[in-house]
Amino acid sequence: MAAHEPGAKQIDVTTLPIPHLNHLSQQLEQEVEFLTNSVNQLKVAQAKFSESEEAVGQLSKPGTDILVPLTASVSLNL
């Protein structure tokens, strides 16, 4: 919580014992790692989306040949 939010308390970290500071440090490191991983995953998703957008753009050009895979994953209801 931010200090300006209702009910938030400010704590002077210089008064905390070493074990609490170590625990706080570990929590913050875990949060930073989680957020870093999330940002990296979003970047990967963004790159895949951009590649897909480019591929769809190529399909809209007249006279463009397309290879369509025919595998078991493609089910046709005839």
Protein backbone atom coordinates (compact mmCIF):
# COMPACT_ATOMS: atom_id res chain seq x y z
CA MET A 1 0.00 0.00 0.00
CA ALA A 2 1.15 3.52 -0.69
CA ALA A 3 1.53 5.82 2.29
CA HIS A 4 -1.13 8.22 0.99
CA GLU A 5 -3.84 5.53 0.96
CA PRO A 6 -6.31 5.48 3.86
CA GLY A 7 -5.25 3.09 6.60
CA ALA A 8 -1.65 2.87 5.38
CA LYS A 9 1.14 3.12 7.95
CA GLN A 10 4.66 4.35 7.42
CA ILE A 11 7.41 2.33 9.05
CA ASP A 12 10.94 3.55 9.53
CA VAL A 13 12.97 0.65 8.10
CA THR A 14 16.00 1.71 10.12
CA THR A 15 14.15 0.54 13.24
CA LEU A 16 13.39 -2.96 11.93
CA PRO A 17 15.45 -5.92 13.13
CA ILE A 18 17.77 -7.65 10.64
CA PRO A 19 15.58 -10.78 10.22
CA HIS A 20 12.59 -8.61 9.23
CA LEU A 21 14.74 -6.67 6.79
CA ASN A 22 16.00 -9.93 5.26
CA HIS A 23 12.42 -11.18 4.89
CA LEU A 24 11.34 -7.88 3.35
CA SER A 25 14.28 -8.03 0.96
CA GLN A 26 13.36 -11.56 -0.12
CA GLN A 27 9.74 -10.55 -0.69
CA LEU A 28 10.77 -7.57 -2.79
CA GLU A 29 13.19 -9.70 -4.83
CA GLN A 30 10.43 -12.22 -5.50
CA GLU A 31 8.04 -9.47 -6.58
CA VAL A 32 10.64 -7.94 -8.89
CA GLU A 33 11.39 -11.37 -10.39
CA PHE A 34 7.66 -12.04 -10.90
CA LEU A 35 7.13 -8.66 -12.55
CA THR A 36 10.22 -9.11 -14.74
CA ASN A 37 8.96 -12.52 -15.90
CA SER A 38 5.53 -11.05 -16.59
CA VAL A 39 7.01 -8.24 -18.68
CA ASN A 40 9.11 -10.76 -20.63
CA GLN A 41 6.05 -12.92 -21.30
CA LEU A 42 4.15 -9.87 -22.49
CA LYS A 43 7.02 -8.97 -24.83
CA VAL A 44 6.96 -12.50 -26.30
CA ALA A 45 3.18 -12.29 -26.76
CA GLN A 46 3.54 -8.87 -28.39
CA ALA A 47 6.17 -10.20 -30.81
CA LYS A 48 3.96 -13.17 -31.74
CA PHE A 49 1.01 -10.84 -32.27
CA SER A 50 3.12 -8.60 -34.52
CA GLU A 51 4.25 -11.63 -36.54
CA SER A 52 0.64 -12.76 -36.90
CA GLU A 53 -0.42 -9.27 -37.94
CA GLU A 54 2.31 -9.24 -40.60
CA ALA A 55 1.26 -12.69 -41.85
CA VAL A 56 -2.36 -11.61 -42.17
CA GLY A 57 -1.20 -8.52 -44.04
CA GLN A 58 0.65 -10.74 -46.51
CA LEU A 59 -2.50 -12.79 -47.10
CA SER A 60 -4.48 -9.73 -48.10
CA LYS A 61 -2.21 -9.00 -51.08
CA PRO A 62 -3.79 -10.12 -54.38
CA GLY A 63 -1.98 -12.93 -56.17
CA THR A 64 -0.24 -14.22 -53.06
CA ASP A 65 0.12 -18.00 -52.93
CA ILE A 66 -0.65 -19.69 -49.63
CA LEU A 67 0.43 -23.09 -48.31
CA VAL A 68 -2.27 -24.60 -46.12
CA PRO A 69 -1.24 -27.59 -44.01
CA LEU A 70 -3.65 -30.52 -44.19
CA THR A 71 -3.14 -32.52 -41.04
CA ALA A 72 -5.30 -34.38 -38.56
CA SER A 73 -5.65 -31.11 -36.65
CA VAL A 74 -7.67 -29.69 -39.54
CA SER A 75 -11.10 -31.28 -39.50
CA LEU A 76 -13.37 -30.78 -42.45
CA ASN A 77 -17.10 -31.39 -42.22
CA LEU A 78 -18.08 -32.47 -45.71
